[in-house]
Amino acid sequence: MKFEYTGRHIEVTPAIRSHVEEHFDRIKHLFGKEDNHAHVIIEVERGQHRSEIVVKWRNQVLTATTTLDDMYQSLSQTIAKIERQALRLKNKIIDRSHKAKKVGEVAASDDTEPEPESPKIIPVKNYAAKPMTPNEAALQLDGAENHFFVYRDALNERVSVIYRRKDGNYGLIEP
């Protein structure tokens, strides 16, 4: 892994460099043998030591930042955050590849899709259409869980349908 260091209001000492590289040596198994790039930024402001690490890995950018009183602890916690992000990303990639179909399964299946079945008519409920007015039918619809109600109009003895609209009003279908 290639490291680039930037120090703001602090000099990047060889001890800091070796501390970072030792910690990355412990987690290099996550990054594999790929050529990766890590940018370590350390900064001191008002007695607080801030460390930020940006790692470019597998077309992804992992970033972590920590601010503490001690620079070495700050770097250690930042590297631990990078480790968690890398582990999460690696598991995500592994899970995605395990869900893929095997080559033999893809070759064995034919490319033809099954024809969709034609819709079936399924009788739901039989009930007598009672004679009532549209207002009475609307009251019956309020108590029901269906979005429509079939009734016989009391005035003209024709079968009508009242339904609940999306805007909260009622629609009436008369033959």
Protein backbone atom coordinates (compact mmCIF):
# COMPACT_ATOMS: atom_id res chain seq x y z
CA MET A 1 0.00 0.00 0.00
CA LYS A 2 1.26 3.45 -0.87
CA PHE A 3 1.03 6.11 1.83
CA GLU A 4 0.94 9.86 1.45
CA TYR A 5 1.21 12.05 4.54
CA THR A 6 0.08 15.61 5.11
CA GLY A 7 0.72 17.49 8.36
CA ARG A 8 -1.06 20.70 9.25
CA HIS A 9 0.54 22.63 12.11
CA ILE A 10 2.52 19.48 12.93
CA GLU A 11 5.50 17.71 11.45
CA VAL A 12 4.97 14.13 10.30
CA THR A 13 7.70 12.28 12.16
CA PRO A 14 9.09 8.85 11.28
CA ALA A 15 7.48 7.54 14.49
CA ILE A 16 4.04 8.58 13.26
CA ARG A 17 4.74 7.03 9.86
CA SER A 18 5.80 3.72 11.42
CA HIS A 19 2.77 3.75 13.74
CA VAL A 20 0.39 4.10 10.79
CA GLU A 21 2.20 1.52 8.66
CA GLU A 22 2.29 -1.02 11.54
CA HIS A 23 -1.46 -0.71 12.01
CA PHE A 24 -2.07 -1.09 8.28
CA ASP A 25 0.19 -4.17 8.24
CA ARG A 26 -2.22 -5.81 10.71
CA ILE A 27 -5.18 -5.26 8.38
CA LYS A 28 -3.48 -5.71 4.99
CA HIS A 29 -5.29 -9.07 4.60
CA LEU A 30 -8.50 -7.10 3.99
CA PHE A 31 -7.04 -5.11 1.12
CA GLY A 32 -5.40 -8.05 -0.63
CA LYS A 33 -2.46 -7.76 -2.97
CA GLU A 34 -3.94 -4.89 -4.93
CA ASP A 35 -2.04 -1.63 -5.29
CA ASN A 36 -3.95 0.73 -2.98
CA HIS A 37 -3.41 4.33 -2.02
CA ALA A 38 -3.87 5.84 1.48
CA HIS A 39 -3.69 9.53 2.29
CA VAL A 40 -3.06 10.29 5.97
CA ILE A 41 -3.81 13.83 7.15
CA ILE A 42 -2.86 14.86 10.67
CA GLU A 43 -3.61 18.21 12.23
CA VAL A 44 -3.24 19.95 15.58
CA GLU A 45 -5.57 22.75 16.54
CA ARG A 46 -6.18 24.11 20.07
CA GLY A 47 -4.62 21.06 21.70
CA GLN A 48 -6.79 18.59 19.77
CA HIS A 49 -5.13 16.08 17.47
CA ARG A 50 -7.21 15.31 14.42
CA SER A 51 -6.39 12.45 12.07
CA GLU A 52 -8.08 11.71 8.78
CA ILE A 53 -7.37 8.78 6.49
CA VAL A 54 -8.64 8.44 2.93
CA VAL A 55 -8.10 5.05 1.27
CA LYS A 56 -8.82 4.39 -2.40
CA TRP A 57 -9.68 0.70 -2.75
CA ARG A 58 -11.70 -1.28 -5.33
CA ASN A 59 -13.15 1.80 -7.02
CA GLN A 60 -14.35 2.95 -3.59
CA VAL A 61 -13.16 5.69 -1.26
CA LEU A 62 -13.02 4.85 2.45
CA THR A 63 -12.78 7.87 4.75
CA ALA A 64 -12.49 8.14 8.53
CA THR A 65 -11.77 10.99 10.93
CA THR A 66 -11.06 11.10 14.67
CA THR A 67 -10.23 13.95 17.04
CA LEU A 68 -8.60 13.21 20.42
CA ASP A 69 -6.02 14.63 22.82
CA ASP A 70 -3.36 12.09 21.74
CA MET A 71 -2.22 11.78 18.11
CA TYR A 72 -1.35 8.08 18.33
CA GLN A 73 -4.75 7.15 19.79
CA SER A 74 -6.44 9.31 17.19
CA LEU A 75 -4.58 7.50 14.41
CA SER A 76 -5.35 4.08 15.92
CA GLN A 77 -9.08 4.81 16.14
CA THR A 78 -9.15 6.20 12.61
CA ILE A 79 -7.45 3.07 11.26
CA ALA A 80 -9.96 0.93 13.18
CA LYS A 81 -12.80 2.82 11.45
CA ILE A 82 -11.16 2.21 8.07
CA GLU A 83 -10.85 -1.49 8.96
CA ARG A 84 -14.60 -1.72 9.74
CA GLN A 85 -15.50 0.02 6.49
CA ALA A 86 -13.20 -2.24 4.46
CA LEU A 87 -14.59 -5.35 6.16
CA ARG A 88 -18.17 -4.24 5.50
CA LEU A 89 -17.37 -3.54 1.84
CA LYS A 90 -15.53 -6.83 1.39
CA ASN A 91 -18.43 -8.81 2.92
CA LYS A 92 -20.86 -6.96 0.68
CA ILE A 93 -18.84 -7.92 -2.40
CA ILE A 94 -18.57 -11.55 -1.25
CA ASP A 95 -22.30 -11.76 -0.54
CA ARG A 96 -23.11 -10.33 -3.95
CA SER A 97 -20.89 -12.88 -5.72
CA HIS A 98 -22.38 -15.78 -3.73
CA LYS A 99 -25.89 -14.85 -4.84
CA ALA A 100 -24.91 -15.14 -8.49
CA LYS A 101 -26.06 -18.21 -10.41
CA LYS A 102 -23.54 -20.88 -11.24
CA VAL A 103 -22.44 -21.12 -14.85
CA GLY A 104 -23.88 -24.64 -15.17
CA GLU A 105 -27.28 -23.49 -13.93
CA VAL A 106 -27.41 -20.64 -16.42
CA ALA A 107 -26.40 -22.91 -19.34
CA ALA A 108 -28.86 -25.64 -18.35
CA SER A 109 -31.89 -23.36 -18.17
CA ASP A 110 -33.53 -22.47 -21.46
CA ASP A 111 -33.92 -18.86 -22.44
CA THR A 112 -37.66 -19.12 -23.08
CA GLU A 113 -39.83 -17.50 -20.47
CA PRO A 114 -43.05 -19.24 -19.48
CA GLU A 115 -46.11 -17.70 -21.04
CA PRO A 116 -48.14 -15.71 -18.56
CA GLU A 117 -51.41 -17.34 -17.68
CA SER A 118 -54.59 -15.57 -18.66
CA PRO A 119 -56.41 -13.94 -15.75
CA LYS A 120 -58.97 -16.11 -14.01
CA ILE A 121 -62.33 -15.03 -12.68
CA ILE A 122 -62.59 -16.00 -9.05
CA PRO A 123 -66.02 -15.65 -7.42
CA VAL A 124 -65.52 -13.80 -4.16
CA LYS A 125 -68.87 -13.36 -2.56
CA ASN A 126 -72.55 -13.86 -3.34
CA TYR A 127 -75.03 -11.46 -1.82
CA ALA A 128 -78.41 -10.04 -2.68
CA ALA A 129 -78.48 -6.50 -3.99
CA LYS A 130 -80.97 -4.89 -1.63
CA PRO A 131 -83.06 -1.90 -2.74
CA MET A 132 -81.75 1.36 -1.19
CA THR A 133 -80.92 4.96 -2.03
CA PRO A 134 -77.40 6.08 -2.98
CA ASN A 135 -76.99 7.79 0.44
CA GLU A 136 -77.85 4.54 2.25
CA ALA A 137 -75.38 2.68 0.02
CA ALA A 138 -72.66 5.23 0.94
CA LEU A 139 -73.34 4.55 4.63
CA GLN A 140 -73.02 0.79 3.98
CA LEU A 141 -69.71 1.42 2.16
CA ASP A 142 -68.30 3.31 5.15
CA GLY A 143 -68.72 0.25 7.38
CA ALA A 144 -67.27 -2.19 4.81
CA GLU A 145 -63.62 -2.85 4.08
CA ASN A 146 -64.24 -3.04 0.31
CA HIS A 147 -63.84 -0.02 -1.90
CA PHE A 148 -67.14 -0.59 -3.70
CA PHE A 149 -70.72 -1.63 -2.91
CA VAL A 150 -73.32 -3.13 -5.25
CA TYR A 151 -76.99 -2.33 -4.54
CA ARG A 152 -80.37 -2.05 -6.26
CA ASP A 153 -81.55 1.54 -6.62
CA ALA A 154 -84.87 1.98 -4.78
CA LEU A 155 -86.19 4.52 -7.32
CA ASN A 156 -85.65 2.73 -10.64
CA GLU A 157 -84.94 -0.90 -9.48
CA ARG A 158 -81.66 -1.00 -11.45
CA VAL A 159 -78.40 -2.46 -10.12
CA SER A 160 -75.89 0.30 -9.30
CA VAL A 161 -72.36 0.43 -7.93
CA ILE A 162 -71.02 3.02 -5.53
CA TYR A 163 -67.25 3.21 -4.93
CA ARG A 164 -64.81 5.12 -2.77
CA ARG A 165 -62.54 7.44 -4.76
CA LYS A 166 -58.94 8.26 -3.91
CA ASP A 167 -59.88 11.83 -3.05
CA GLY A 168 -62.29 10.62 -0.31
CA ASN A 169 -65.50 11.23 -2.26
CA TYR A 170 -67.86 8.58 -3.69
CA GLY A 171 -68.40 7.63 -7.29
CA LEU A 172 -71.70 6.23 -8.60
CA ILE A 173 -72.05 3.88 -11.57
CA GLU A 174 -75.57 3.53 -12.93
CA PRO A 175 -76.52 1.41 -15.94
